[in-house]
C-alpha atoms as a PDB file:
ATOM      1  CA  MET A   1      70.793 111.173  64.319  1.00  0.00           C
ATOM      2  CA  LYS A   2      67.856 113.595  64.151  1.00  0.00           C
ATOM      3  CA  PHE A   3      66.432 111.458  61.548  1.00  0.00           C
ATOM      4  CA  LEU A   4      66.715 108.117  63.286  1.00  0.00           C
ATOM      5  CA  LEU A   5      64.860 109.852  66.043  1.00  0.00           C
ATOM      6  CA  ILE A   6      62.032 110.666  63.682  1.00  0.00           C
ATOM      7  CA  ARG A   7      61.889 107.394  62.068  1.00  0.00           C
ATOM      8  CA  CYS A   8      61.977 105.508  65.892  1.00  0.00           C
ATOM      9  CA  ILE A   9      59.414 107.992  66.610  1.00  0.00           C
ATOM     10  CA  CYS A  10      57.180 107.263  63.946  1.00  0.00           C
ATOM     11  CA  ARG A  11      57.354 103.581  64.202  1.00  0.00           C
ATOM     12  CA  ARG A  12      56.167 103.656  67.743  1.00  0.00           C
ATOM     13  CA  LEU A  13      53.529 105.680  66.921  1.00  0.00           C
ATOM     14  CA  GLY A  14      52.650 104.028  64.106  1.00  0.00           C
ATOM     15  CA  LEU A  15      52.180 100.626  65.921  1.00  0.00           C
ATOM     16  CA  ILE A  16      49.831 102.186  68.525  1.00  0.00           C
ATOM     17  CA  LEU A  17      47.903 103.485  65.500  1.00  0.00           C
ATOM     18  CA  VAL A  18      47.228 100.200  64.121  1.00  0.00           C
ATOM     19  CA  LEU A  19      47.129  98.533  68.056  1.00  0.00           C
ATOM     20  CA  LEU A  20      44.163 101.304  67.882  1.00  0.00           C
ATOM     21  CA  ALA A  21      42.963 100.253  64.725  1.00  0.00           C
ATOM     22  CA  GLY A  22      42.707  96.785  65.645  1.00  0.00           C
ATOM     23  CA  GLY A  23      41.101  97.257  68.368  1.00  0.00           C
ATOM     24  CA  THR A  24      43.573  96.162  70.987  1.00  0.00           C
ATOM     25  CA  VAL A  25      43.506  99.409  72.890  1.00  0.00           C
ATOM     26  CA  ALA A  26      40.430 101.003  74.949  1.00  0.00           C
ATOM     27  CA  PRO A  27      40.692 104.734  75.316  1.00  0.00           C
ATOM     28  CA  ALA A  28      39.258 106.005  71.360  1.00  0.00           C
ATOM     29  CA  HIS A  29      41.379 109.463  72.441  1.00  0.00           C
ATOM     30  CA  ALA A  30      44.726 107.465  72.544  1.00  0.00           C
ATOM     31  CA  ASP A  31      44.272 107.782  68.097  1.00  0.00           C
ATOM     32  CA  LYS A  32      44.075 111.573  68.168  1.00  0.00           C
ATOM     33  CA  ASN A  33      46.645 111.865  70.662  1.00  0.00           C
ATOM     34  CA  ALA A  34      49.181 109.601  69.067  1.00  0.00           C
ATOM     35  CA  SER A  35      48.192 111.209  65.998  1.00  0.00           C
ATOM     36  CA  ARG A  36      48.360 114.710  67.079  1.00  0.00           C
ATOM     37  CA  ALA A  37      52.028 113.941  68.744  1.00  0.00           C
ATOM     38  CA  VAL A  38      53.266 112.830  65.229  1.00  0.00           C
ATOM     39  CA  GLU A  39      52.039 116.036  64.036  1.00  0.00           C
ATOM     40  CA  LEU A  40      53.632 117.953  66.855  1.00  0.00           C
ATOM     41  CA  PHE A  41      57.077 116.243  66.595  1.00  0.00           C
ATOM     42  CA  ARG A  42      57.280 116.943  62.625  1.00  0.00           C
ATOM     43  CA  ALA A  43      56.677 120.292  63.241  1.00  0.00           C
ATOM     44  CA  GLY A  44      59.238 120.982  66.217  1.00  0.00           C
ATOM     45  CA  ASP A  45      61.796 119.640  63.894  1.00  0.00           C
ATOM     46  CA  GLY A  46      61.020 121.972  61.273  1.00  0.00           C
ATOM     47  CA  LYS A  47      61.223 124.440  63.807  1.00  0.00           C
ATOM     48  CA  PHE A  48      64.546 122.918  65.332  1.00  0.00           C
ATOM     49  CA  ALA A  49      66.117 122.652  61.726  1.00  0.00           C
ATOM     50  CA  LYS A  50      65.700 126.675  61.175  1.00  0.00           C
ATOM     51  CA  ALA A  51      67.436 126.927  64.592  1.00  0.00           C
ATOM     52  CA  GLU A  52      64.294 128.141  65.937  1.00  0.00           C
ATOM     53  CA  TYR A  53      65.274 126.006  69.311  1.00  0.00           C
ATOM     54  CA  SER A  54      62.677 127.579  71.940  1.00  0.00           C
ATOM     55  CA  ALA A  55      60.045 127.065  69.077  1.00  0.00           C
ATOM     56  CA  ALA A  56      60.788 123.669  68.323  1.00  0.00           C
ATOM     57  CA  ARG A  57      61.261 122.884  72.289  1.00  0.00           C
ATOM     58  CA  ALA A  58      57.719 124.011  72.859  1.00  0.00           C
ATOM     59  CA  LEU A  59      56.005 122.125  70.490  1.00  0.00           C
ATOM     60  CA  TYR A  60      58.283 118.574  71.993  1.00  0.00           C
ATOM     61  CA  ARG A  61      56.953 119.071  75.125  1.00  0.00           C
ATOM     62  CA  GLN A  62      53.484 119.145  73.847  1.00  0.00           C
ATOM     63  CA  ALA A  63      53.990 115.985  71.618  1.00  0.00           C
ATOM     64  CA  ASN A  64      55.601 113.996  74.914  1.00  0.00           C
ATOM     65  CA  GLY A  65      52.348 115.703  76.809  1.00  0.00           C
ATOM     66  CA  LEU A  66      50.340 113.818  74.405  1.00  0.00           C
ATOM     67  CA  TYR A  67      52.216 110.540  74.347  1.00  0.00           C
ATOM     68  CA  PRO A  68      55.284 110.559  76.341  1.00  0.00           C
ATOM     69  CA  ASP A  69      58.345 108.733  74.716  1.00  0.00           C
ATOM     70  CA  PRO A  70      61.692 108.910  75.229  1.00  0.00           C
ATOM     71  CA  SER A  71      62.558 109.726  72.255  1.00  0.00           C
ATOM     72  CA  ILE A  72      60.488 113.264  71.700  1.00  0.00           C
ATOM     73  CA  LEU A  73      61.813 114.037  75.816  1.00  0.00           C
ATOM     74  CA  TYR A  74      65.581 113.896  74.359  1.00  0.00           C
ATOM     75  CA  MET A  75      64.889 116.605  71.617  1.00  0.00           C
ATOM     76  CA  VAL A  76      63.503 119.144  74.257  1.00  0.00           C
ATOM     77  CA  GLY A  77      66.913 118.095  75.779  1.00  0.00           C
ATOM     78  CA  ARG A  78      68.577 118.918  72.866  1.00  0.00           C
ATOM     79  CA  CYS A  79      66.728 121.905  72.650  1.00  0.00           C
ATOM     80  CA  HIS A  80      67.689 123.290  76.309  1.00  0.00           C
ATOM     81  CA  GLU A  81      72.003 122.091  75.184  1.00  0.00           C
ATOM     82  CA  VAL A  82      71.573 124.150  71.840  1.00  0.00           C
ATOM     83  CA  GLU A  83      70.337 126.763  73.501  1.00  0.00           C
ATOM     84  CA  ARG A  84      73.471 126.812  76.070  1.00  0.00           C
ATOM     85  CA  GLU A  85      70.601 125.791  78.814  1.00  0.00           C
ATOM     86  CA  PHE A  86      72.996 123.311  80.916  1.00  0.00           C
ATOM     87  CA  ALA A  87      71.415 122.320  83.752  1.00  0.00           C
ATOM     88  CA  ASP A  88      67.938 121.963  81.798  1.00  0.00           C
ATOM     89  CA  ALA A  89      69.560 119.784  79.381  1.00  0.00           C
ATOM     90  CA  LEU A  90      71.476 117.787  81.893  1.00  0.00           C
ATOM     91  CA  ALA A  91      68.053 117.048  84.050  1.00  0.00           C
ATOM     92  CA  ILE A  92      66.265 115.873  80.572  1.00  0.00           C
ATOM     93  CA  TYR A  93      68.618 113.578  79.574  1.00  0.00           C
ATOM     94  CA  SER A  94      69.113 112.158  83.506  1.00  0.00           C
ATOM     95  CA  LYS A  95      64.655 111.512  82.941  1.00  0.00           C
ATOM     96  CA  VAL A  96      65.047 110.126  79.702  1.00  0.00           C
ATOM     97  CA  LEU A  97      67.649 107.406  80.820  1.00  0.00           C
ATOM     98  CA  GLU A  98      65.096 106.545  83.718  1.00  0.00           C
ATOM     99  CA  MET A  99      62.029 105.938  81.864  1.00  0.00           C
ATOM    100  CA  PRO A 100      61.261 102.387  80.527  1.00  0.00           C
ATOM    101  CA  ASN A 101      61.773 100.447  77.082  1.00  0.00           C
ATOM    102  CA  VAL A 102      64.155 103.172  76.032  1.00  0.00           C
ATOM    103  CA  PRO A 103      65.830 102.579  72.349  1.00  0.00           C
ATOM    104  CA  ASP A 104      69.458 101.498  72.504  1.00  0.00           C
ATOM    105  CA  LYS A 105      70.171 104.632  70.241  1.00  0.00           C
ATOM    106  CA  VAL A 106      67.960 106.857  72.259  1.00  0.00           C
ATOM    107  CA  ARG A 107      69.798 105.673  75.486  1.00  0.00           C
ATOM    108  CA  ALA A 108      73.201 106.305  73.553  1.00  0.00           C
ATOM    109  CA  LYS A 109      72.979 109.452  72.624  1.00  0.00           C
ATOM    110  CA  ALA A 110      70.789 110.504  76.213  1.00  0.00           C
ATOM    111  CA  GLU A 111      74.295 108.837  77.817  1.00  0.00           C
ATOM    112  CA  GLU A 112      76.890 110.432  75.586  1.00  0.00           C
ATOM    113  CA  GLY A 113      74.700 113.944  76.718  1.00  0.00           C
ATOM    114  CA  VAL A 114      74.634 113.572  80.114  1.00  0.00           C
ATOM    115  CA  ALA A 115      78.948 112.839  80.038  1.00  0.00           C
ATOM    116  CA  TYR A 116      79.246 115.741  78.352  1.00  0.00           C
ATOM    117  CA  LEU A 117      77.564 118.094  80.270  1.00  0.00           C
ATOM    118  CA  GLN A 118      79.271 116.544  83.285  1.00  0.00           C
ATOM    119  CA  ARG A 119      82.375 117.535  82.012  1.00  0.00           C
ATOM    120  CA  LEU A 120      81.761 121.047  80.606  1.00  0.00           C
ATOM    121  CA  ASN A 121      79.982 122.056  84.156  1.00  0.00           C
ATOM    122  CA  PRO A 122      80.996 119.307  86.700  1.00  0.00           C
ATOM    123  CA  LYS A 123      79.187 119.274  90.084  1.00  0.00           C
ATOM    124  CA  ARG A 124      81.069 121.354  92.299  1.00  0.00           C
ATOM    125  CA  TYR A 125      81.350 120.592  96.209  1.00  0.00           C
ATOM    126  CA  ARG A 126      82.573 122.352  99.761  1.00  0.00           C
ATOM    127  CA  LEU A 127      86.119 121.957 100.542  1.00  0.00           C
ATOM    128  CA  VAL A 128      87.063 123.284 104.258  1.00  0.00           C
ATOM    129  CA  VAL A 129      90.821 123.005 105.041  1.00  0.00           C
ATOM    130  CA  THR A 130      90.685 123.679 108.718  1.00  0.00           C
ATOM    131  CA  ALA A 131      94.860 124.684 109.836  1.00  0.00           C
ATOM    132  CA  ASN A 132      96.177 124.542 113.910  1.00  0.00           C
ATOM    133  CA  THR A 133      97.469 127.671 113.408  1.00  0.00           C
ATOM    134  CA  GLN A 134      97.191 131.304 111.277  1.00  0.00           C
ATOM    135  CA  ALA A 135      98.642 129.871 107.927  1.00  0.00           C
ATOM    136  CA  GLN A 136      98.644 130.951 104.386  1.00  0.00           C
ATOM    137  CA  PHE A 137      96.626 128.998 101.588  1.00  0.00           C
ATOM    138  CA  THR A 138      96.996 128.072  98.183  1.00  0.00           C
ATOM    139  CA  LEU A 139      94.641 125.992  95.586  1.00  0.00           C
ATOM    140  CA  ASP A 140      95.890 124.394  92.755  1.00  0.00           C
ATOM    141  CA  GLY A 141      98.754 127.244  92.468  1.00  0.00           C
ATOM    142  CA  THR A 142      96.614 130.201  93.036  1.00  0.00           C
ATOM    143  CA  SER A 143      96.726 131.852  96.595  1.00  0.00           C
ATOM    144  CA  LYS A 144      93.522 131.500  98.821  1.00  0.00           C
ATOM    145  CA  GLY A 145      94.456 134.558 101.554  1.00  0.00           C
ATOM    146  CA  GLU A 146      95.298 134.018 105.238  1.00  0.00           C
ATOM    147  CA  GLY A 147      93.554 132.498 108.180  1.00  0.00           C
ATOM    148  CA  GLU A 148      93.327 129.311 109.834  1.00  0.00           C
ATOM    149  CA  VAL A 149      90.062 127.789 107.924  1.00  0.00           C
ATOM    150  CA  LEU A 150      90.044 127.791 104.250  1.00  0.00           C
ATOM    151  CA  SER A 151      86.427 127.436 102.632  1.00  0.00           C
ATOM    152  CA  VAL A 152      85.793 127.239  99.221  1.00  0.00           C
ATOM    153  CA  ASP A 153      83.368 125.677  96.314  1.00  0.00           C
ATOM    154  CA  VAL A 154      85.506 123.425  93.985  1.00  0.00           C
ATOM    155  CA  PRO A 155      84.574 120.846  91.139  1.00  0.00           C
ATOM    156  CA  GLY A 156      85.024 117.758  91.578  1.00  0.00           C
ATOM    157  CA  GLY A 157      88.547 115.902  90.851  1.00  0.00           C
ATOM    158  CA  GLU A 158      91.855 116.566  92.245  1.00  0.00           C
ATOM    159  CA  HIS A 159      92.742 119.877  93.785  1.00  0.00           C
ATOM    160  CA  VAL A 160      96.322 120.367  95.062  1.00  0.00           C
ATOM    161  CA  VAL A 161      95.907 122.027  98.833  1.00  0.00           C
ATOM    162  CA  ARG A 162      99.266 124.119 100.160  1.00  0.00           C
ATOM    163  CA  VAL A 163      99.434 125.209 103.641  1.00  0.00           C
ATOM    164  CA  THR A 164     102.340 127.537 104.855  1.00  0.00           C
ATOM    165  CA  ALA A 165     103.009 129.364 108.074  1.00  0.00           C
ATOM    166  CA  ASP A 166     106.088 130.977 109.712  1.00  0.00           C
ATOM    167  CA  GLY A 167     107.966 128.636 111.985  1.00  0.00           C
ATOM    168  CA  TYR A 168     106.229 125.328 110.664  1.00  0.00           C
ATOM    169  CA  GLU A 169     106.695 123.074 107.999  1.00  0.00           C
ATOM    170  CA  ASP A 170     104.928 123.319 104.858  1.00  0.00           C
ATOM    171  CA  VAL A 171     102.107 120.883 104.261  1.00  0.00           C
ATOM    172  CA  GLU A 172     101.061 119.699 100.623  1.00  0.00           C
ATOM    173  CA  ARG A 173      98.813 117.041  99.454  1.00  0.00           C
ATOM    174  CA  THR A 174      96.633 116.451  96.706  1.00  0.00           C
ATOM    175  CA  LEU A 175      92.883 116.076  97.299  1.00  0.00           C
ATOM    176  CA  SER A 176      90.265 114.336  95.308  1.00  0.00           C
ATOM    177  CA  VAL A 177      87.430 115.641  96.139  1.00  0.00           C
ATOM    178  CA  VAL A 178      83.836 113.822  94.569  1.00  0.00           C
ATOM    179  CA  ARG A 179      81.759 115.080  97.888  1.00  0.00           C
ATOM    180  CA  ASP A 180      81.854 117.736 100.452  1.00  0.00           C
ATOM    181  CA  THR A 181      85.003 117.219 102.334  1.00  0.00           C
ATOM    182  CA  ASP A 182      86.370 118.887 105.519  1.00  0.00           C
ATOM    183  CA  ALA A 183      90.420 118.325 105.564  1.00  0.00           C
ATOM    184  CA  VAL A 184      92.290 118.982 108.786  1.00  0.00           C
ATOM    185  CA  VAL A 185      96.126 120.046 108.909  1.00  0.00           C
ATOM    186  CA  HIS A 186      98.151 119.464 111.549  1.00  0.00           C
ATOM    187  CA  MET A 187     101.286 122.161 110.781  1.00  0.00           C
ATOM    188  CA  ALA A 188     104.527 120.374 112.738  1.00  0.00           C
ATOM    189  CA  PRO A 189     107.215 123.342 114.022  1.00  0.00           C
ATOM    190  CA  ASP A 190     109.979 123.651 111.622  1.00  0.00           C
ATOM    191  CA  GLU A 191     112.742 122.352 114.154  1.00  0.00           C
ATOM    192  CA  SER A 192     115.051 122.878 111.292  1.00  0.00           C
ATOM    193  CA  ASP A 193     116.612 126.349 112.590  1.00  0.00           C
ATOM    194  CA  GLY A 194     116.562 124.847 116.327  1.00  0.00           C
ATOM    195  CA  ARG A 195     118.676 121.828 115.243  1.00  0.00           C
ATOM    196  CA  TRP A 196     121.363 123.854 113.072  1.00  0.00           C
ATOM    197  CA  THR A 197     122.035 126.216 115.709  1.00  0.00           C
ATOM    198  CA  SER A 198     122.618 123.140 118.261  1.00  0.00           C
ATOM    199  CA  TRP A 199     125.209 121.545 115.498  1.00  0.00           C
ATOM    200  CA  ILE A 200     127.066 125.658 115.098  1.00  0.00           C
ATOM    201  CA  LEU A 201     127.307 125.917 118.603  1.00  0.00           C
ATOM    202  CA  LEU A 202     129.013 122.615 119.112  1.00  0.00           C
ATOM    203  CA  GLY A 203     131.257 123.337 116.279  1.00  0.00           C
ATOM    204  CA  VAL A 204     131.854 126.499 117.788  1.00  0.00           C
ATOM    205  CA  GLY A 205     131.960 125.194 121.418  1.00  0.00           C
ATOM    206  CA  GLY A 206     134.790 122.583 119.687  1.00  0.00           C
ATOM    207  CA  ALA A 207     136.784 124.803 118.240  1.00  0.00           C
ATOM    208  CA  SER A 208     136.920 127.106 120.835  1.00  0.00           C
ATOM    209  CA  LEU A 209     138.000 124.076 123.531  1.00  0.00           C
ATOM    210  CA  SER A 210     140.594 123.339 120.963  1.00  0.00           C
ATOM    211  CA  ALA A 211     142.106 126.803 120.533  1.00  0.00           C
ATOM    212  CA  GLY A 212     142.187 127.513 124.462  1.00  0.00           C
ATOM    213  CA  GLY A 213     143.670 124.415 124.953  1.00  0.00           C
ATOM    214  CA  LEU A 214     146.466 125.229 122.235  1.00  0.00           C
ATOM    215  CA  LEU A 215     146.958 128.879 123.766  1.00  0.00           C
ATOM    216  CA  ILE A 216     146.991 127.477 127.224  1.00  0.00           C
ATOM    217  CA  LEU A 217     150.397 124.967 126.441  1.00  0.00           C
ATOM    218  CA  ASP A 218     151.242 128.453 124.167  1.00  0.00           C
ATOM    219  CA  ALA A 219     151.508 130.168 127.673  1.00  0.00           C
ATOM    220  CA  LEU A 220     153.270 127.352 129.290  1.00  0.00           C
ATOM    221  CA  GLY A 221     155.813 127.616 127.138  1.00  0.00           C
ATOM    222  CA  HIS A 222     156.223 131.338 127.450  1.00  0.00           C
ATOM    223  CA  ALA A 223     156.374 130.854 131.038  1.00  0.00           C
ATOM    224  CA  ASP A 224     159.334 128.212 130.762  1.00  0.00           C
ATOM    225  CA  GLU A 225     160.782 130.684 128.986  1.00  0.00           C
ATOM    226  CA  ALA A 226     160.972 133.055 131.165  1.00  0.00           C
ATOM    227  CA  SER A 227     162.196 130.847 134.425  1.00  0.00           C
ATOM    228  CA  ARG A 228     164.913 129.989 131.582  1.00  0.00           C
ATOM    229  CA  ALA A 229     165.686 133.638 131.087  1.00  0.00           C
ATOM    230  CA  THR A 230     166.281 134.484 134.706  1.00  0.00           C
ATOM    231  CA  GLN A 231     169.033 131.803 135.117  1.00  0.00           C
ATOM    232  CA  SER A 232     170.369 133.026 132.098  1.00  0.00           C
ATOM    233  CA  GLN A 233     172.706 136.156 130.884  1.00  0.00           C
ATOM    234  CA  LEU A 234     169.598 137.392 128.295  1.00  0.00           C
ATOM    235  CA  GLY A 235     169.094 140.287 130.561  1.00  0.00           C
ATOM    236  CA  ARG A 236     165.587 141.596 131.960  1.00  0.00           C
ATOM    237  CA  ALA A 237     164.207 142.723 128.647  1.00  0.00           C
ATOM    238  CA  ALA A 238     163.695 138.884 127.711  1.00  0.00           C
ATOM    239  CA  TYR A 239     162.575 138.118 131.339  1.00  0.00           C
ATOM    240  CA  ASP A 240     160.155 140.816 131.195  1.00  0.00           C
ATOM    241  CA  ASP A 241     159.215 140.134 126.947  1.00  0.00           C
ATOM    242  CA  ALA A 242     158.748 136.089 127.961  1.00  0.00           C
ATOM    243  CA  GLN A 243     156.429 136.993 131.341  1.00  0.00           C
ATOM    244  CA  ALA A 244     154.489 139.197 128.860  1.00  0.00           C
ATOM    245  CA  ARG A 245     153.760 136.761 126.312  1.00  0.00           C
ATOM    246  CA  ALA A 246     152.926 133.948 128.917  1.00  0.00           C
ATOM    247  CA  ARG A 247     149.980 136.239 130.606  1.00  0.00           C
ATOM    248  CA  THR A 248     148.348 137.272 126.919  1.00  0.00           C
ATOM    249  CA  ALA A 249     148.625 134.054 125.884  1.00  0.00           C
ATOM    250  CA  GLU A 250     146.953 132.337 129.522  1.00  0.00           C
ATOM    251  CA  ILE A 251     144.584 134.803 129.295  1.00  0.00           C
ATOM    252  CA  TYR A 252     143.401 134.118 125.616  1.00  0.00           C
ATOM    253  CA  GLY A 253     143.373 130.752 126.279  1.00  0.00           C
ATOM    254  CA  VAL A 254     141.561 130.731 129.348  1.00  0.00           C
ATOM    255  CA  THR A 255     138.836 132.682 127.550  1.00  0.00           C
ATOM    256  CA  ALA A 256     138.471 130.870 124.625  1.00  0.00           C
ATOM    257  CA  THR A 257     138.163 127.814 126.745  1.00  0.00           C
ATOM    258  CA  VAL A 258     135.284 129.326 128.716  1.00  0.00           C
ATOM    259  CA  VAL A 259     133.718 130.327 125.892  1.00  0.00           C
ATOM    260  CA  GLY A 260     134.108 127.198 124.124  1.00  0.00           C
ATOM    261  CA  ALA A 261     132.863 125.024 127.141  1.00  0.00           C
ATOM    262  CA  ALA A 262     129.743 127.401 127.198  1.00  0.00           C
ATOM    263  CA  ALA A 263     129.067 126.892 123.487  1.00  0.00           C
ATOM    264  CA  LEU A 264     129.672 122.916 124.062  1.00  0.00           C
ATOM    265  CA  GLY A 265     126.979 123.099 126.975  1.00  0.00           C
ATOM    266  CA  PHE A 266     124.638 124.822 125.293  1.00  0.00           C
ATOM    267  CA  GLY A 267     124.755 123.121 122.086  1.00  0.00           C
ATOM    268  CA  VAL A 268     124.316 119.716 123.941  1.00  0.00           C
ATOM    269  CA  TYR A 269     121.144 121.903 125.909  1.00  0.00           C
ATOM    270  CA  LEU A 270     119.671 122.658 122.926  1.00  0.00           C
ATOM    271  CA  LEU A 271     119.915 119.052 121.090  1.00  0.00           C
ATOM    272  CA  LEU A 272     118.553 117.204 124.270  1.00  0.00           C
ATOM    273  CA  SER A 273     115.636 119.655 124.372  1.00  0.00           C
ATOM    274  CA  GLU A 274     114.195 118.693 121.013  1.00  0.00           C
ATOM    275  CA  PRO A 275     110.865 116.827 121.042  1.00  0.00           C
ATOM    276  CA  THR A 276     111.249 113.586 119.483  1.00  0.00           C
ATOM    277  CA  ASP A 277     107.280 113.100 118.803  1.00  0.00           C
ATOM    278  CA  MET A 278     105.293 114.961 116.848  1.00  0.00           C
ATOM    279  CA  PRO A 279     102.057 116.032 118.358  1.00  0.00           C
ATOM    280  CA  SER A 280      99.088 114.109 117.196  1.00  0.00           C
ATOM    281  CA  ALA A 281      97.943 115.146 113.630  1.00  0.00           C
ATOM    282  CA  GLN A 282      94.327 114.082 114.459  1.00  0.00           C
ATOM    283  CA  ALA A 283      93.880 116.639 117.291  1.00  0.00           C
ATOM    284  CA  GLY A 284      90.661 118.909 116.880  1.00  0.00           C
ATOM    285  CA  VAL A 285      89.441 116.829 114.193  1.00  0.00           C
ATOM    286  CA  SER A 286      85.672 118.012 112.930  1.00  0.00           C
ATOM    287  CA  VAL A 287      83.519 116.357 110.299  1.00  0.00           C
ATOM    288  CA  GLN A 288      80.852 117.761 108.215  1.00  0.00           C
ATOM    289  CA  PRO A 289      77.866 115.928 107.405  1.00  0.00           C
ATOM    290  CA  ASN A 290      78.387 113.535 104.594  1.00  0.00           C
ATOM    291  CA  GLY A 291      81.695 114.534 104.306  1.00  0.00           C
ATOM    292  CA  VAL A 292      84.970 112.630 104.767  1.00  0.00           C
ATOM    293  CA  VAL A 293      88.005 113.850 106.874  1.00  0.00           C
ATOM    294  CA  TRP A 294      91.916 113.833 105.722  1.00  0.00           C
ATOM    295  CA  ARG A 295      94.384 114.196 108.810  1.00  0.00           C
ATOM    296  CA  TRP A 296      97.624 115.312 107.871  1.00  0.00           C
END
């Protein structure tokens, strides 16, 4: 590629010299500038081949100052790139692409350089995530601390944001960040614990009512047994035993019935008191300048 650029520049500068010799270009000093630009470019190429990139860049800049040319300017960017001055290299390559009459091969190499440097050092954007309660923030699997607002600089692209808080349902979303972004997270209360409590109370209440009913029936049976004992020849002992069992079954039965009714009633109350509509997820939305709003 280096030798292709040299030939390209020499052909372009040689054409200028030919035109100057034919009198088609008026300024007399243009001949000297073009010739000097060729000399400087070749000297810069020699320095570049020896890995003396700072010296090569200075020579290329001088050549481009005398005769602005996209091929020469591209080599300035190459010097920045090999010296890992990526921001400067990206700026030079972008400037090359903005110049008129850029040779196809130079344009292709400049575009390749821009794409490579953007992948290597992607542009960063401000991501602000606001929650409606104190929460734990996780970005791309890394904990980012606790609070109501997360504000970080991230490279462009997709990022996974996870927000968790005690008593609230977890929220996880993948955001495609292509500019400064303000994400508003409305976390809904976690109703699962309340629902489980309601169903447990309903179960306990139903079981208690059933047990109470059975115990009351058992008490009635013992009471009937005691009544029969008074009319038979079983004696006082059998009567007292039947009466005691009847009273015990009655006490347990009534207690179980009362507990079951209370549990059943409280379970029904909890079910009926659960909210059916979630609060609006758009409450308290704020937008940064030139930002994008994500409502969760």
